[in-house]
Amino acid sequence: MIPVSTLLTFIGVAAILIAIPGPSVLFVIGRALSLGRGGALLSVVGNSFGALVQSVAIALGLGAIIQASIVVFTIVKLTGAAFLIYLGVQAIRHRKRHVSGKPIARRSWWRSLFEGAVVGVTNPKCAVFFIAVVPQFVAVEAGSIQFQLFELSAVFVIIGVISDSIWALAASGARAWFARSPKRVEHLGAGGGVAMIGLGGVLALTGNKN
C-alpha cells in the first residue's frame, strides 16, 4: 500500500497540474458551450473513462512503448487532435440545433460519452503525466508496481472528474445566461466549436516525446 504521506503529496501535485487548463478543460468548456450542461457532464464522464483506460494500458506496459517510440506517441497525439477538430467542426455545423434548449436525445447521450472517451484515451497531457510523473510516487517496498501505477492514476482521474465537472457547470451556466437570446446561443455554440478546433490545432503542432 502506498504510504499516506506519499499519496497526499501526489494529490497535491496532481491537483496543481489539473488546475492548469489543458486539453480536458478546454474540451469540456467547448462541449458546454455547444451542447449545454448535460452534454458537457456526459463528456466529462466519457473523458474520465478514456483517461482511466489510458492509465490501465500504461500501467500494463504501453507507457514504456510510447516512451521509447516517438512514432507511437505522435500517432496518439495526432489522433486526439484530429478528433477534437472534427468535434469542433460538427459543433459549428449543427449550432442551430441547440437554440431550442431541448434536452439531449437518448442517442446523443451515448455519442457524448463515446466522444469524451476518445478524447480521454488520446489526451497527450494525461499520457505524459502517467508516464513521467506517476512512477516517481511508486514505492518499491509497497507491493505491486503495476497496481500502484493504476491506483495513483485512478486518483488523478478522480481529481480530474471533480475539476472538469466544475468547469462544465460554470461554462454551461454562462451558456444558460446567453440562452435568453437564440442568436447568442447559436454564436456560443459556434464559439465552443472554434475553441475545440483551436485546441486540436495546438495539440497537433506542439509537444514532443520528451
Protein backbone atom coordinates (compact mmCIF):
# COMPACT_ATOMS: atom_id res chain seq x y z
CA MET A 1 0.00 0.00 0.00
CA ILE A 2 1.25 3.47 -0.88
CA PRO A 3 2.33 5.46 2.21
CA VAL A 4 -0.22 8.13 3.23
CA SER A 5 2.39 10.91 3.09
CA THR A 6 3.34 9.94 -0.45
CA LEU A 7 -0.31 9.76 -1.50
CA LEU A 8 -1.05 13.21 -0.05
CA THR A 9 1.96 14.68 -1.83
CA PHE A 10 0.81 13.11 -5.08
CA ILE A 11 -2.70 14.51 -4.62
CA GLY A 12 -1.23 17.98 -4.16
CA VAL A 13 0.91 17.71 -7.29
CA ALA A 14 -1.95 16.25 -9.35
CA ALA A 15 -4.37 18.97 -8.19
CA ILE A 16 -1.94 21.70 -9.24
CA LEU A 17 -1.35 20.17 -12.67
CA ILE A 18 -5.06 19.55 -13.25
CA ALA A 19 -5.88 23.15 -12.26
CA ILE A 20 -3.81 24.33 -15.22
CA PRO A 21 -6.23 24.36 -18.19
CA GLY A 22 -5.28 21.66 -20.68
CA PRO A 23 -6.97 19.54 -23.36
CA SER A 24 -9.62 18.12 -21.00
CA VAL A 25 -10.64 21.50 -19.58
CA LEU A 26 -10.84 23.22 -22.95
CA PHE A 27 -12.69 20.23 -24.40
CA VAL A 28 -15.28 20.32 -21.60
CA ILE A 29 -15.74 24.10 -21.93
CA GLY A 30 -16.23 23.71 -25.67
CA ARG A 31 -18.81 20.97 -25.11
CA ALA A 32 -20.63 23.05 -22.51
CA LEU A 33 -20.88 25.99 -24.87
CA SER A 34 -22.04 23.88 -27.80
CA LEU A 35 -24.17 21.21 -26.04
CA GLY A 36 -25.09 22.64 -22.64
CA ARG A 37 -24.79 21.18 -19.13
CA GLY A 38 -25.98 17.64 -19.92
CA GLY A 39 -23.69 17.16 -22.90
CA ALA A 40 -20.74 18.65 -21.02
CA LEU A 41 -21.18 16.42 -17.95
CA LEU A 42 -21.60 13.34 -20.14
CA SER A 43 -18.42 14.35 -21.94
CA VAL A 44 -16.66 14.64 -18.55
CA VAL A 45 -17.71 11.08 -17.67
CA GLY A 46 -16.59 9.76 -21.06
CA ASN A 47 -13.35 11.72 -20.95
CA SER A 48 -12.55 10.38 -17.48
CA PHE A 49 -13.30 6.81 -18.55
CA GLY A 50 -10.96 7.26 -21.52
CA ALA A 51 -8.22 8.59 -19.25
CA LEU A 52 -8.72 5.61 -16.94
CA VAL A 53 -8.37 3.22 -19.89
CA GLN A 54 -5.19 5.04 -20.88
CA SER A 55 -3.82 4.70 -17.34
CA VAL A 56 -4.51 0.94 -17.29
CA ALA A 57 -2.78 0.50 -20.65
CA ILE A 58 0.24 2.47 -19.44
CA ALA A 59 0.36 0.53 -16.17
CA LEU A 60 0.39 -2.70 -18.18
CA GLY A 61 3.37 -1.61 -20.27
CA LEU A 62 2.13 0.69 -23.01
CA GLY A 63 3.90 3.56 -21.27
CA ALA A 64 7.29 2.01 -21.91
CA ILE A 65 6.45 1.57 -25.60
CA ILE A 66 5.26 5.17 -26.01
CA GLN A 67 8.25 6.48 -24.09
CA ALA A 68 10.61 4.57 -26.39
CA SER A 69 8.88 5.44 -29.66
CA ILE A 70 8.25 8.98 -30.84
CA VAL A 71 6.19 7.50 -33.69
CA VAL A 72 3.67 5.87 -31.33
CA PHE A 73 3.40 8.99 -29.19
CA THR A 74 2.92 11.17 -32.29
CA ILE A 75 0.15 8.86 -33.57
CA VAL A 76 -1.68 9.11 -30.23
CA LYS A 77 -1.28 12.89 -30.16
CA LEU A 78 -2.41 13.46 -33.76
CA THR A 79 -5.38 11.11 -33.38
CA GLY A 80 -6.64 13.11 -30.42
CA ALA A 81 -6.02 16.42 -32.20
CA ALA A 82 -7.87 15.29 -35.33
CA PHE A 83 -10.84 14.09 -33.31
CA LEU A 84 -11.09 17.40 -31.44
CA ILE A 85 -11.04 19.30 -34.73
CA TYR A 86 -13.80 17.02 -36.05
CA LEU A 87 -15.94 17.68 -32.97
CA GLY A 88 -15.35 21.41 -33.35
CA VAL A 89 -16.46 21.36 -36.97
CA GLN A 90 -19.57 19.38 -36.03
CA ALA A 91 -20.41 21.86 -33.26
CA ILE A 92 -20.23 24.74 -35.74
CA ARG A 93 -22.23 22.92 -38.40
CA HIS A 94 -25.04 21.98 -36.04
CA ARG A 95 -25.00 25.06 -33.78
CA LYS A 96 -28.65 25.89 -34.57
CA ARG A 97 -29.81 22.59 -33.07
CA HIS A 98 -29.06 23.88 -29.60
CA VAL A 99 -31.06 27.10 -29.84
CA SER A 100 -34.31 25.48 -28.71
CA GLY A 101 -32.82 24.33 -25.42
CA LYS A 102 -34.46 20.89 -25.71
CA PRO A 103 -32.86 18.05 -23.73
CA ILE A 104 -30.30 15.85 -25.42
CA ALA A 105 -31.79 12.84 -27.19
CA ARG A 106 -31.01 9.39 -25.80
CA ARG A 107 -28.83 8.55 -28.78
CA SER A 108 -26.76 11.66 -28.14
CA TRP A 109 -26.04 10.56 -24.57
CA TRP A 110 -24.03 7.61 -25.82
CA ARG A 111 -22.43 9.73 -28.51
CA SER A 112 -21.29 12.30 -25.92
CA LEU A 113 -19.88 9.54 -23.74
CA PHE A 114 -18.08 7.93 -26.67
CA GLU A 115 -16.65 11.19 -27.98
CA GLY A 116 -15.45 12.11 -24.50
CA ALA A 117 -13.83 8.69 -24.12
CA VAL A 118 -11.93 9.07 -27.39
CA VAL A 119 -10.57 12.44 -26.28
CA GLY A 120 -9.59 10.96 -22.90
CA VAL A 121 -7.83 7.95 -24.41
CA THR A 122 -5.81 10.13 -26.81
CA ASN A 123 -5.07 13.01 -24.41
CA PRO A 124 -1.26 13.53 -24.60
CA LYS A 125 -1.20 15.55 -21.36
CA CYS A 126 -2.54 12.53 -19.46
CA ALA A 127 -0.11 10.20 -21.22
CA VAL A 128 2.88 12.36 -20.27
CA PHE A 129 1.63 12.64 -16.67
CA PHE A 130 1.04 8.88 -16.34
CA ILE A 131 4.45 8.08 -17.84
CA ALA A 132 6.68 10.81 -16.39
CA VAL A 133 5.07 11.86 -13.09
CA VAL A 134 3.15 8.91 -11.64
CA PRO A 135 6.15 6.49 -11.48
CA GLN A 136 8.00 8.97 -9.24
CA PHE A 137 5.49 8.26 -6.45
CA VAL A 138 5.72 4.48 -6.64
CA ALA A 139 7.27 2.78 -3.61
CA VAL A 140 9.02 -0.50 -4.46
CA GLU A 141 8.53 -1.81 -0.92
CA ALA A 142 4.77 -1.08 -1.08
CA GLY A 143 3.89 -4.04 -3.30
CA SER A 144 2.86 -4.48 -6.93
CA ILE A 145 4.27 -1.70 -9.10
CA GLN A 146 1.52 -2.06 -11.69
CA PHE A 147 -1.20 -1.83 -9.04
CA GLN A 148 0.39 1.29 -7.58
CA LEU A 149 0.58 2.90 -11.01
CA PHE A 150 -3.10 2.18 -11.55
CA GLU A 151 -4.03 3.36 -8.04
CA LEU A 152 -2.23 6.69 -8.46
CA SER A 153 -3.64 7.15 -11.96
CA ALA A 154 -7.15 6.50 -10.65
CA VAL A 155 -6.65 9.21 -8.01
CA PHE A 156 -5.57 11.58 -10.78
CA VAL A 157 -8.67 10.74 -12.81
CA ILE A 158 -10.99 11.28 -9.81
CA ILE A 159 -9.50 14.73 -9.18
CA GLY A 160 -9.91 15.43 -12.90
CA VAL A 161 -13.60 14.48 -12.76
CA ILE A 162 -14.22 16.96 -9.96
CA SER A 163 -12.28 19.74 -11.67
CA ASP A 164 -13.79 19.16 -15.12
CA SER A 165 -17.31 18.98 -13.66
CA ILE A 166 -16.84 22.39 -12.06
CA TRP A 167 -15.68 23.79 -15.38
CA ALA A 168 -18.64 22.16 -17.14
CA LEU A 169 -21.17 23.62 -14.72
CA ALA A 170 -19.59 27.08 -14.85
CA ALA A 171 -19.43 27.14 -18.66
CA SER A 172 -22.95 25.76 -19.06
CA GLY A 173 -24.15 28.37 -16.58
CA ALA A 174 -22.76 31.09 -18.81
CA ARG A 175 -24.45 29.40 -21.76
CA ALA A 176 -27.80 29.47 -19.94
CA TRP A 177 -27.40 33.23 -19.44
CA PHE A 178 -26.82 33.69 -23.15
CA ALA A 179 -29.80 31.46 -23.92
CA ARG A 180 -32.14 34.39 -23.41
CA SER A 181 -31.32 35.22 -27.00
CA PRO A 182 -31.40 32.38 -29.58
CA LYS A 183 -28.74 34.19 -31.60
CA ARG A 184 -26.45 34.34 -28.58
CA VAL A 185 -26.77 30.57 -28.09
CA GLU A 186 -26.05 29.99 -31.76
CA HIS A 187 -22.92 32.15 -31.59
CA LEU A 188 -21.92 30.49 -28.31
CA GLY A 189 -22.24 27.02 -29.82
CA ALA A 190 -20.06 28.12 -32.71
CA GLY A 191 -17.59 29.59 -30.22
CA GLY A 192 -17.33 26.25 -28.47
CA GLY A 193 -16.62 24.61 -31.81
CA VAL A 194 -13.92 27.15 -32.61
CA ALA A 195 -12.35 26.51 -29.18
CA MET A 196 -12.15 22.76 -29.88
CA ILE A 197 -10.71 23.32 -33.36
CA GLY A 198 -8.09 25.66 -31.89
CA LEU A 199 -7.25 23.14 -29.19
CA GLY A 200 -6.88 20.38 -31.78
CA GLY A 201 -4.53 22.59 -33.80
CA VAL A 202 -2.40 23.39 -30.75
CA LEU A 203 -2.11 19.70 -29.83
CA ALA A 204 -1.13 18.80 -33.38
CA LEU A 205 1.59 21.45 -33.61
CA THR A 206 3.15 21.28 -30.16
CA GLY A 207 4.85 18.75 -27.96
CA ASN A 208 7.43 16.01 -28.49
CA LYS A 209 8.40 12.72 -26.92
CA ASN A 210 10.19 14.43 -24.05
